All heavy atoms as atom14 arrays in JSON, in Angstrom:
{
  "sequence": "GLAFAALLAGERTSAVLVICAILLFGVLVMVRNAYGVLSVVVTGLL",
  "atom14_mask": [
    [1, 1, 1, 1, 0, 0, 0, 0, 0, 0, 0, 0, 0, 0],
    [1, 1, 1, 1, 1, 1, 1, 1, 0, 0, 0, 0, 0, 0],
    [1, 1, 1, 1, 1, 0, 0, 0, 0, 0, 0, 0, 0, 0],
    [1, 1, 1, 1, 1, 1, 1, 1, 1, 1, 1, 0, 0, 0],
    [1, 1, 1, 1, 1, 0, 0, 0, 0, 0, 0, 0, 0, 0],
    [1, 1, 1, 1, 1, 0, 0, 0, 0, 0, 0, 0, 0, 0],
    [1, 1, 1, 1, 1, 1, 1, 1, 0, 0, 0, 0, 0, 0],
    [1, 1, 1, 1, 1, 1, 1, 1, 0, 0, 0, 0, 0, 0],
    [1, 1, 1, 1, 1, 0, 0, 0, 0, 0, 0, 0, 0, 0],
    [1, 1, 1, 1, 0, 0, 0, 0, 0, 0, 0, 0, 0, 0],
    [1, 1, 1, 1, 1, 1, 1, 1, 1, 0, 0, 0, 0, 0],
    [1, 1, 1, 1, 1, 1, 1, 1, 1, 1, 1, 0, 0, 0],
    [1, 1, 1, 1, 1, 1, 1, 0, 0, 0, 0, 0, 0, 0],
    [1, 1, 1, 1, 1, 1, 0, 0, 0, 0, 0, 0, 0, 0],
    [1, 1, 1, 1, 1, 0, 0, 0, 0, 0, 0, 0, 0, 0],
    [1, 1, 1, 1, 1, 1, 1, 0, 0, 0, 0, 0, 0, 0],
    [1, 1, 1, 1, 1, 1, 1, 1, 0, 0, 0, 0, 0, 0],
    [1, 1, 1, 1, 1, 1, 1, 0, 0, 0, 0, 0, 0, 0],
    [1, 1, 1, 1, 1, 1, 1, 1, 0, 0, 0, 0, 0, 0],
    [1, 1, 1, 1, 1, 1, 0, 0, 0, 0, 0, 0, 0, 0],
    [1, 1, 1, 1, 1, 0, 0, 0, 0, 0, 0, 0, 0, 0],
    [1, 1, 1, 1, 1, 1, 1, 1, 0, 0, 0, 0, 0, 0],
    [1, 1, 1, 1, 1, 1, 1, 1, 0, 0, 0, 0, 0, 0],
    [1, 1, 1, 1, 1, 1, 1, 1, 0, 0, 0, 0, 0, 0],
    [1, 1, 1, 1, 1, 1, 1, 1, 1, 1, 1, 0, 0, 0],
    [1, 1, 1, 1, 0, 0, 0, 0, 0, 0, 0, 0, 0, 0],
    [1, 1, 1, 1, 1, 1, 1, 0, 0, 0, 0, 0, 0, 0],
    [1, 1, 1, 1, 1, 1, 1, 1, 0, 0, 0, 0, 0, 0],
    [1, 1, 1, 1, 1, 1, 1, 0, 0, 0, 0, 0, 0, 0],
    [1, 1, 1, 1, 1, 1, 1, 1, 0, 0, 0, 0, 0, 0],
    [1, 1, 1, 1, 1, 1, 1, 0, 0, 0, 0, 0, 0, 0],
    [1, 1, 1, 1, 1, 1, 1, 1, 1, 1, 1, 0, 0, 0],
    [1, 1, 1, 1, 1, 1, 1, 1, 0, 0, 0, 0, 0, 0],
    [1, 1, 1, 1, 1, 0, 0, 0, 0, 0, 0, 0, 0, 0],
    [1, 1, 1, 1, 1, 1, 1, 1, 1, 1, 1, 1, 0, 0],
    [1, 1, 1, 1, 0, 0, 0, 0, 0, 0, 0, 0, 0, 0],
    [1, 1, 1, 1, 1, 1, 1, 0, 0, 0, 0, 0, 0, 0],
    [1, 1, 1, 1, 1, 1, 1, 1, 0, 0, 0, 0, 0, 0],
    [1, 1, 1, 1, 1, 1, 0, 0, 0, 0, 0, 0, 0, 0],
    [1, 1, 1, 1, 1, 1, 1, 0, 0, 0, 0, 0, 0, 0],
    [1, 1, 1, 1, 1, 1, 1, 0, 0, 0, 0, 0, 0, 0],
    [1, 1, 1, 1, 1, 1, 1, 0, 0, 0, 0, 0, 0, 0],
    [1, 1, 1, 1, 1, 1, 1, 0, 0, 0, 0, 0, 0, 0],
    [1, 1, 1, 1, 0, 0, 0, 0, 0, 0, 0, 0, 0, 0],
    [1, 1, 1, 1, 1, 1, 1, 1, 0, 0, 0, 0, 0, 0],
    [1, 1, 1, 1, 1, 1, 1, 1, 0, 0, 0, 0, 0, 0]
  ],
  "atom14_positions": [
    [[3.12, -7.64, 7.17], [4.03, -6.99, 8.1], [5.28, -7.84, 8.32], [6.34, -7.27, 8.37], [0.0, 0.0, 0.0], [0.0, 0.0, 0.0], [0.0, 0.0, 0.0], [0.0, 0.0, 0.0], [0.0, 0.0, 0.0], [0.0, 0.0, 0.0], [0.0, 0.0, 0.0], [0.0, 0.0, 0.0], [0.0, 0.0, 0.0], [0.0, 0.0, 0.0]],
    [[5.14, -9.18, 8.27], [6.3, -10.06, 8.36], [7.27, -9.84, 7.1], [8.47, -9.84, 7.23], [5.9, -11.49, 8.49], [7.0, -12.52, 8.63], [7.83, -12.26, 9.92], [6.43, -13.91, 8.67], [0.0, 0.0, 0.0], [0.0, 0.0, 0.0], [0.0, 0.0, 0.0], [0.0, 0.0, 0.0], [0.0, 0.0, 0.0], [0.0, 0.0, 0.0]],
    [[6.66, -9.8, 5.99], [7.37, -9.58, 4.73], [8.1, -8.21, 4.83], [9.27, -8.12, 4.4], [6.48, -9.65, 3.49], [0.0, 0.0, 0.0], [0.0, 0.0, 0.0], [0.0, 0.0, 0.0], [0.0, 0.0, 0.0], [0.0, 0.0, 0.0], [0.0, 0.0, 0.0], [0.0, 0.0, 0.0], [0.0, 0.0, 0.0], [0.0, 0.0, 0.0]],
    [[7.43, -7.2, 5.3], [8.07, -5.87, 5.43], [9.24, -5.92, 6.45], [10.29, -5.32, 6.28], [7.08, -4.91, 5.86], [6.1, -4.42, 4.76], [4.97, -3.71, 5.01], [6.33, -4.85, 3.46], [4.14, -3.31, 4.02], [5.49, -4.45, 2.42], [4.4, -3.7, 2.73], [0.0, 0.0, 0.0], [0.0, 0.0, 0.0], [0.0, 0.0, 0.0]],
    [[9.01, -6.72, 7.5], [10.15, -6.85, 8.51], [11.34, -7.51, 7.85], [12.49, -7.11, 8.16], [9.64, -7.71, 9.73], [0.0, 0.0, 0.0], [0.0, 0.0, 0.0], [0.0, 0.0, 0.0], [0.0, 0.0, 0.0], [0.0, 0.0, 0.0], [0.0, 0.0, 0.0], [0.0, 0.0, 0.0], [0.0, 0.0, 0.0], [0.0, 0.0, 0.0]],
    [[11.1, -8.52, 7.01], [12.23, -9.12, 6.29], [12.95, -8.08, 5.44], [14.18, -8.05, 5.38], [11.74, -10.28, 5.54], [0.0, 0.0, 0.0], [0.0, 0.0, 0.0], [0.0, 0.0, 0.0], [0.0, 0.0, 0.0], [0.0, 0.0, 0.0], [0.0, 0.0, 0.0], [0.0, 0.0, 0.0], [0.0, 0.0, 0.0], [0.0, 0.0, 0.0]],
    [[12.19, -7.27, 4.75], [12.79, -6.3, 3.82], [13.55, -5.22, 4.65], [14.68, -4.82, 4.27], [11.7, -5.59, 3.0], [11.06, -6.41, 1.91], [9.86, -5.63, 1.29], [12.04, -6.78, 0.81], [0.0, 0.0, 0.0], [0.0, 0.0, 0.0], [0.0, 0.0, 0.0], [0.0, 0.0, 0.0], [0.0, 0.0, 0.0], [0.0, 0.0, 0.0]],
    [[13.01, -4.84, 5.78], [13.68, -3.82, 6.57], [14.96, -4.36, 7.22], [15.92, -3.65, 7.43], [12.7, -3.27, 7.72], [11.57, -2.44, 7.11], [10.56, -2.17, 8.23], [12.11, -1.16, 6.53], [0.0, 0.0, 0.0], [0.0, 0.0, 0.0], [0.0, 0.0, 0.0], [0.0, 0.0, 0.0], [0.0, 0.0, 0.0], [0.0, 0.0, 0.0]],
    [[14.93, -5.67, 7.58], [16.1, -6.28, 8.14], [17.23, -6.31, 7.03], [18.4, -6.25, 7.41], [15.82, -7.72, 8.53], [0.0, 0.0, 0.0], [0.0, 0.0, 0.0], [0.0, 0.0, 0.0], [0.0, 0.0, 0.0], [0.0, 0.0, 0.0], [0.0, 0.0, 0.0], [0.0, 0.0, 0.0], [0.0, 0.0, 0.0], [0.0, 0.0, 0.0]],
    [[16.86, -6.33, 5.82], [17.83, -6.22, 4.72], [18.06, -4.82, 4.26], [18.63, -4.6, 3.19], [0.0, 0.0, 0.0], [0.0, 0.0, 0.0], [0.0, 0.0, 0.0], [0.0, 0.0, 0.0], [0.0, 0.0, 0.0], [0.0, 0.0, 0.0], [0.0, 0.0, 0.0], [0.0, 0.0, 0.0], [0.0, 0.0, 0.0], [0.0, 0.0, 0.0]],
    [[17.54, -3.82, 5.0], [17.75, -2.39, 4.72], [17.09, -2.02, 3.41], [17.65, -1.19, 2.71], [19.22, -2.06, 4.77], [19.84, -2.29, 6.15], [21.28, -1.83, 6.16], [21.87, -1.43, 5.16], [21.86, -1.9, 7.28], [0.0, 0.0, 0.0], [0.0, 0.0, 0.0], [0.0, 0.0, 0.0], [0.0, 0.0, 0.0], [0.0, 0.0, 0.0]],
    [[15.97, -2.55, 3.02], [15.25, -2.23, 1.84], [13.98, -1.42, 2.18], [12.89, -1.81, 1.89], [14.89, -3.52, 1.04], [16.14, -4.3, 0.62], [15.79, -5.59, -0.07], [16.98, -6.3, -0.5], [17.02, -7.48, -1.1], [15.8, -8.08, -1.34], [18.1, -8.09, -1.42], [0.0, 0.0, 0.0], [0.0, 0.0, 0.0], [0.0, 0.0, 0.0]],
    [[14.25, -0.22, 2.65], [13.12, 0.65, 3.05], [12.24, 1.03, 1.88], [11.04, 0.99, 1.97], [13.68, 1.91, 3.76], [14.5, 1.52, 4.87], [12.56, 2.84, 4.23], [0.0, 0.0, 0.0], [0.0, 0.0, 0.0], [0.0, 0.0, 0.0], [0.0, 0.0, 0.0], [0.0, 0.0, 0.0], [0.0, 0.0, 0.0], [0.0, 0.0, 0.0]],
    [[12.88, 1.39, 0.76], [12.09, 1.83, -0.39], [11.17, 0.77, -0.95], [10.12, 1.05, -1.4], [13.11, 2.25, -1.5], [13.82, 3.36, -1.15], [0.0, 0.0, 0.0], [0.0, 0.0, 0.0], [0.0, 0.0, 0.0], [0.0, 0.0, 0.0], [0.0, 0.0, 0.0], [0.0, 0.0, 0.0], [0.0, 0.0, 0.0], [0.0, 0.0, 0.0]],
    [[11.59, -0.53, -0.83], [10.76, -1.58, -1.33], [9.45, -1.72, -0.54], [8.43, -1.97, -1.05], [11.54, -2.94, -1.25], [0.0, 0.0, 0.0], [0.0, 0.0, 0.0], [0.0, 0.0, 0.0], [0.0, 0.0, 0.0], [0.0, 0.0, 0.0], [0.0, 0.0, 0.0], [0.0, 0.0, 0.0], [0.0, 0.0, 0.0], [0.0, 0.0, 0.0]],
    [[9.52, -1.36, 0.82], [8.29, -1.36, 1.55], [7.31, -0.38, 1.04], [6.1, -0.69, 0.88], [8.61, -1.14, 3.07], [7.31, -0.95, 3.93], [9.48, -2.23, 3.69], [0.0, 0.0, 0.0], [0.0, 0.0, 0.0], [0.0, 0.0, 0.0], [0.0, 0.0, 0.0], [0.0, 0.0, 0.0], [0.0, 0.0, 0.0], [0.0, 0.0, 0.0]],
    [[7.78, 0.85, 0.81], [6.91, 1.87, 0.35], [6.32, 1.58, -1.08], [5.19, 1.86, -1.36], [7.67, 3.23, 0.38], [8.19, 3.64, 1.73], [8.88, 4.96, 1.61], [7.1, 3.72, 2.79], [0.0, 0.0, 0.0], [0.0, 0.0, 0.0], [0.0, 0.0, 0.0], [0.0, 0.0, 0.0], [0.0, 0.0, 0.0], [0.0, 0.0, 0.0]],
    [[7.2, 1.06, -1.9], [6.74, 0.67, -3.28], [5.66, -0.35, -3.19], [4.64, -0.35, -3.95], [7.93, 0.16, -4.13], [7.47, -0.37, -5.42], [8.88, 1.38, -4.43], [0.0, 0.0, 0.0], [0.0, 0.0, 0.0], [0.0, 0.0, 0.0], [0.0, 0.0, 0.0], [0.0, 0.0, 0.0], [0.0, 0.0, 0.0], [0.0, 0.0, 0.0]],
    [[5.88, -1.39, -2.41], [4.86, -2.49, -2.31], [3.55, -1.94, -1.79], [2.46, -2.31, -2.23], [5.38, -3.63, -1.42], [6.52, -4.32, -2.12], [4.26, -4.61, -1.09], [7.21, -5.3, -1.22], [0.0, 0.0, 0.0], [0.0, 0.0, 0.0], [0.0, 0.0, 0.0], [0.0, 0.0, 0.0], [0.0, 0.0, 0.0], [0.0, 0.0, 0.0]],
    [[3.61, -1.03, -0.79], [2.38, -0.35, -0.28], [1.66, 0.34, -1.42], [0.4, 0.27, -1.52], [2.74, 0.61, 0.82], [3.22, -0.2, 2.4], [0.0, 0.0, 0.0], [0.0, 0.0, 0.0], [0.0, 0.0, 0.0], [0.0, 0.0, 0.0], [0.0, 0.0, 0.0], [0.0, 0.0, 0.0], [0.0, 0.0, 0.0], [0.0, 0.0, 0.0]],
    [[2.38, 1.03, -2.25], [1.76, 1.77, -3.35], [1.1, 0.84, -4.35], [0.0, 1.09, -4.79], [2.81, 2.63, -4.03], [0.0, 0.0, 0.0], [0.0, 0.0, 0.0], [0.0, 0.0, 0.0], [0.0, 0.0, 0.0], [0.0, 0.0, 0.0], [0.0, 0.0, 0.0], [0.0, 0.0, 0.0], [0.0, 0.0, 0.0], [0.0, 0.0, 0.0]],
    [[1.81, -0.28, -4.64], [1.18, -1.21, -5.59], [-0.08, -1.84, -5.03], [-1.08, -2.04, -5.7], [2.22, -2.3, -5.94], [3.38, -1.73, -6.71], [1.61, -3.48, -6.71], [4.59, -2.64, -6.91], [0.0, 0.0, 0.0], [0.0, 0.0, 0.0], [0.0, 0.0, 0.0], [0.0, 0.0, 0.0], [0.0, 0.0, 0.0], [0.0, 0.0, 0.0]],
    [[-0.04, -2.21, -3.75], [-1.19, -2.81, -3.04], [-2.37, -1.83, -3.06], [-3.47, -2.25, -3.43], [-0.86, -3.16, -1.62], [-1.9, -3.83, -0.78], [-1.27, -4.73, 0.2], [-2.77, -2.84, -0.03], [0.0, 0.0, 0.0], [0.0, 0.0, 0.0], [0.0, 0.0, 0.0], [0.0, 0.0, 0.0], [0.0, 0.0, 0.0], [0.0, 0.0, 0.0]],
    [[-2.08, -0.56, -2.79], [-3.18, 0.46, -2.76], [-3.82, 0.61, -4.17], [-5.02, 0.73, -4.31], [-2.68, 1.71, -2.2], [-2.43, 1.74, -0.72], [-1.71, 3.09, -0.32], [-3.72, 1.62, 0.1], [0.0, 0.0, 0.0], [0.0, 0.0, 0.0], [0.0, 0.0, 0.0], [0.0, 0.0, 0.0], [0.0, 0.0, 0.0], [0.0, 0.0, 0.0]],
    [[-2.92, 0.65, -5.23], [-3.45, 0.83, -6.5], [-4.26, -0.39, -6.98], [-5.4, -0.24, -7.52], [-2.21, 0.97, -7.51], [-2.69, 1.1, -8.95], [-3.2, 2.3, -9.44], [-2.52, 0.02, -9.82], [-3.64, 2.44, -10.76], [-3.0, 0.18, -11.1], [-3.51, 1.32, -11.57], [0.0, 0.0, 0.0], [0.0, 0.0, 0.0], [0.0, 0.0, 0.0]],
    [[-3.81, -1.6, -6.58], [-4.57, -2.8, -6.95], [-5.97, -2.78, -6.31], [-6.97, -3.12, -6.9], [0.0, 0.0, 0.0], [0.0, 0.0, 0.0], [0.0, 0.0, 0.0], [0.0, 0.0, 0.0], [0.0, 0.0, 0.0], [0.0, 0.0, 0.0], [0.0, 0.0, 0.0], [0.0, 0.0, 0.0], [0.0, 0.0, 0.0], [0.0, 0.0, 0.0]],
    [[-6.03, -2.41, -5.01], [-7.29, -2.31, -4.35], [-8.24, -1.25, -4.9], [-9.44, -1.44, -5.15], [-7.11, -2.1, -2.81], [-8.47, -1.91, -2.15], [-6.38, -3.29, -2.17], [0.0, 0.0, 0.0], [0.0, 0.0, 0.0], [0.0, 0.0, 0.0], [0.0, 0.0, 0.0], [0.0, 0.0, 0.0], [0.0, 0.0, 0.0], [0.0, 0.0, 0.0]],
    [[-7.58, -0.07, -5.26], [-8.38, 1.02, -5.81], [-9.03, 0.62, -7.1], [-10.26, 0.99, -7.37], [-7.45, 2.27, -6.06], [-8.14, 3.47, -6.63], [-9.18, 4.02, -5.59], [-7.09, 4.6, -6.85], [0.0, 0.0, 0.0], [0.0, 0.0, 0.0], [0.0, 0.0, 0.0], [0.0, 0.0, 0.0], [0.0, 0.0, 0.0], [0.0, 0.0, 0.0]],
    [[-8.37, -0.16, -7.93], [-8.94, -0.59, -9.22], [-10.16, -1.46, -8.96], [-11.13, -1.43, -9.75], [-7.88, -1.39, -9.99], [-8.51, -2.04, -11.2], [-6.8, -0.42, -10.44], [0.0, 0.0, 0.0], [0.0, 0.0, 0.0], [0.0, 0.0, 0.0], [0.0, 0.0, 0.0], [0.0, 0.0, 0.0], [0.0, 0.0, 0.0], [0.0, 0.0, 0.0]],
    [[-10.21, -2.22, -7.9], [-11.29, -3.13, -7.63], [-12.32, -2.66, -6.75], [-13.35, -3.31, -6.5], [-10.77, -4.45, -7.05], [-9.77, -5.21, -7.98], [-10.5, -5.49, -9.64], [-11.94, -6.45, -9.25], [0.0, 0.0, 0.0], [0.0, 0.0, 0.0], [0.0, 0.0, 0.0], [0.0, 0.0, 0.0], [0.0, 0.0, 0.0], [0.0, 0.0, 0.0]],
    [[-12.15, -1.48, -6.1], [-13.13, -0.96, -5.1], [-14.38, -0.58, -5.85], [-14.36, 0.03, -6.93], [-12.53, 0.23, -4.33], [-13.68, 1.0, -3.59], [-11.64, -0.28, -3.26], [0.0, 0.0, 0.0], [0.0, 0.0, 0.0], [0.0, 0.0, 0.0], [0.0, 0.0, 0.0], [0.0, 0.0, 0.0], [0.0, 0.0, 0.0], [0.0, 0.0, 0.0]],
    [[-15.57, -0.87, -5.29], [-16.8, -0.63, -5.92], [-17.8, 0.26, -5.12], [-18.98, 0.26, -5.39], [-17.54, -1.94, -6.25], [-16.71, -2.88, -7.18], [-16.7, -2.25, -8.61], [-16.01, -3.15, -9.57], [-14.74, -3.03, -9.87], [-13.97, -2.1, -9.34], [-14.22, -3.85, -10.75], [0.0, 0.0, 0.0], [0.0, 0.0, 0.0], [0.0, 0.0, 0.0]],
    [[-17.29, 1.0, -4.17], [-18.17, 1.89, -3.39], [-17.37, 3.18, -3.06], [-16.13, 3.22, -3.04], [-18.74, 1.27, -2.17], [-17.71, 0.99, -1.11], [-16.62, 0.51, -1.42], [-17.99, 1.18, 0.14], [0.0, 0.0, 0.0], [0.0, 0.0, 0.0], [0.0, 0.0, 0.0], [0.0, 0.0, 0.0], [0.0, 0.0, 0.0], [0.0, 0.0, 0.0]],
    [[-18.16, 4.28, -2.82], [-17.56, 5.58, -2.66], [-16.59, 5.67, -1.36], [-15.49, 6.2, -1.46], [-18.62, 6.71, -2.53], [0.0, 0.0, 0.0], [0.0, 0.0, 0.0], [0.0, 0.0, 0.0], [0.0, 0.0, 0.0], [0.0, 0.0, 0.0], [0.0, 0.0, 0.0], [0.0, 0.0, 0.0], [0.0, 0.0, 0.0], [0.0, 0.0, 0.0]],
    [[-17.04, 5.06, -0.26], [-16.29, 5.16, 0.92], [-14.95, 4.38, 0.72], [-13.9, 4.75, 1.25], [-17.02, 4.6, 2.13], [-16.2, 4.68, 3.39], [-16.13, 5.87, 4.12], [-15.4, 3.63, 3.82], [-15.36, 6.0, 5.22], [-14.64, 3.74, 4.98], [-14.59, 4.93, 5.63], [-13.82, 5.09, 6.78], [0.0, 0.0, 0.0], [0.0, 0.0, 0.0]],
    [[-15.05, 3.27, -0.02], [-13.91, 2.48, -0.23], [-12.84, 3.25, -1.08], [-11.66, 3.26, -0.74], [0.0, 0.0, 0.0], [0.0, 0.0, 0.0], [0.0, 0.0, 0.0], [0.0, 0.0, 0.0], [0.0, 0.0, 0.0], [0.0, 0.0, 0.0], [0.0, 0.0, 0.0], [0.0, 0.0, 0.0], [0.0, 0.0, 0.0], [0.0, 0.0, 0.0]],
    [[-13.31, 3.99, -2.11], [-12.43, 4.89, -2.84], [-11.79, 5.9, -2.01], [-10.58, 6.14, -2.05], [-13.18, 5.44, -4.03], [-12.3, 6.52, -4.7], [-13.64, 4.39, -5.03], [0.0, 0.0, 0.0], [0.0, 0.0, 0.0], [0.0, 0.0, 0.0], [0.0, 0.0, 0.0], [0.0, 0.0, 0.0], [0.0, 0.0, 0.0], [0.0, 0.0, 0.0]],
    [[-12.6, 6.56, -1.18], [-12.1, 7.61, -0.28], [-11.0, 7.04, 0.71], [-10.02, 7.66, 0.88], [-13.26, 8.19, 0.52], [-12.87, 9.26, 1.59], [-12.28, 10.45, 0.85], [-14.08, 9.66, 2.43], [0.0, 0.0, 0.0], [0.0, 0.0, 0.0], [0.0, 0.0, 0.0], [0.0, 0.0, 0.0], [0.0, 0.0, 0.0], [0.0, 0.0, 0.0]],
    [[-11.31, 5.94, 1.3], [-10.38, 5.28, 2.21], [-9.05, 4.98, 1.53], [-7.97, 5.27, 2.09], [-10.98, 4.05, 2.78], [-10.12, 3.4, 3.71], [0.0, 0.0, 0.0], [0.0, 0.0, 0.0], [0.0, 0.0, 0.0], [0.0, 0.0, 0.0], [0.0, 0.0, 0.0], [0.0, 0.0, 0.0], [0.0, 0.0, 0.0], [0.0, 0.0, 0.0]],
    [[-9.08, 4.41, 0.39], [-7.81, 4.02, -0.29], [-7.1, 5.26, -0.79], [-5.87, 5.37, -0.72], [-8.1, 3.08, -1.49], [-6.87, 2.81, -2.3], [-8.74, 1.78, -1.0], [0.0, 0.0, 0.0], [0.0, 0.0, 0.0], [0.0, 0.0, 0.0], [0.0, 0.0, 0.0], [0.0, 0.0, 0.0], [0.0, 0.0, 0.0], [0.0, 0.0, 0.0]],
    [[-7.84, 6.25, -1.3], [-7.15, 7.5, -1.8], [-6.49, 8.27, -0.61], [-5.34, 8.76, -0.79], [-8.15, 8.32, -2.53], [-7.64, 9.78, -2.8], [-8.63, 7.72, -3.89], [0.0, 0.0, 0.0], [0.0, 0.0, 0.0], [0.0, 0.0, 0.0], [0.0, 0.0, 0.0], [0.0, 0.0, 0.0], [0.0, 0.0, 0.0], [0.0, 0.0, 0.0]],
    [[-7.18, 8.41, 0.47], [-6.6, 9.12, 1.63], [-5.31, 8.46, 2.08], [-4.29, 9.0, 2.34], [-7.6, 9.26, 2.74], [-6.9, 9.72, 4.05], [-8.77, 10.25, 2.37], [0.0, 0.0, 0.0], [0.0, 0.0, 0.0], [0.0, 0.0, 0.0], [0.0, 0.0, 0.0], [0.0, 0.0, 0.0], [0.0, 0.0, 0.0], [0.0, 0.0, 0.0]],
    [[-5.37, 7.06, 2.15], [-4.18, 6.26, 2.53], [-3.04, 6.47, 1.54], [-1.89, 6.67, 1.91], [-4.52, 4.81, 2.69], [-5.65, 4.7, 3.62], [-3.35, 4.05, 3.19], [0.0, 0.0, 0.0], [0.0, 0.0, 0.0], [0.0, 0.0, 0.0], [0.0, 0.0, 0.0], [0.0, 0.0, 0.0], [0.0, 0.0, 0.0], [0.0, 0.0, 0.0]],
    [[-3.43, 6.47, 0.28], [-2.43, 6.66, -0.76], [-1.85, 8.02, -0.77], [-0.62, 8.17, -0.99], [0.0, 0.0, 0.0], [0.0, 0.0, 0.0], [0.0, 0.0, 0.0], [0.0, 0.0, 0.0], [0.0, 0.0, 0.0], [0.0, 0.0, 0.0], [0.0, 0.0, 0.0], [0.0, 0.0, 0.0], [0.0, 0.0, 0.0], [0.0, 0.0, 0.0]],
    [[-2.57, 9.02, -0.47], [-2.02, 10.42, -0.42], [-1.04, 10.57, 0.74], [-0.01, 11.21, 0.58], [-3.2, 11.44, -0.25], [-4.04, 11.63, -1.54], [-5.21, 12.58, -1.13], [-3.27, 12.24, -2.62], [0.0, 0.0, 0.0], [0.0, 0.0, 0.0], [0.0, 0.0, 0.0], [0.0, 0.0, 0.0], [0.0, 0.0, 0.0], [0.0, 0.0, 0.0]],
    [[-1.35, 9.93, 1.85], [-0.42, 9.97, 2.99], [0.92, 9.25, 2.61], [1.98, 9.78, 2.92], [-1.05, 9.26, 4.16], [-0.08, 9.12, 5.42], [0.33, 10.47, 5.96], [-0.86, 8.31, 6.56], [0.0, 0.0, 0.0], [0.0, 0.0, 0.0], [0.0, 0.0, 0.0], [0.0, 0.0, 0.0], [0.0, 0.0, 0.0], [0.0, 0.0, 0.0]]
  ]
}
């Protein structure tokens, strides 16, 4: 959240959303249970 605050202070809104997408993809690759996949996919779709 602090890193995102720094990006937003520099008016880099798109970078926040891109980093969120990368983080979700990385977690999705490593998730090993069905609920975990569902949780990450729903968050990613939003």
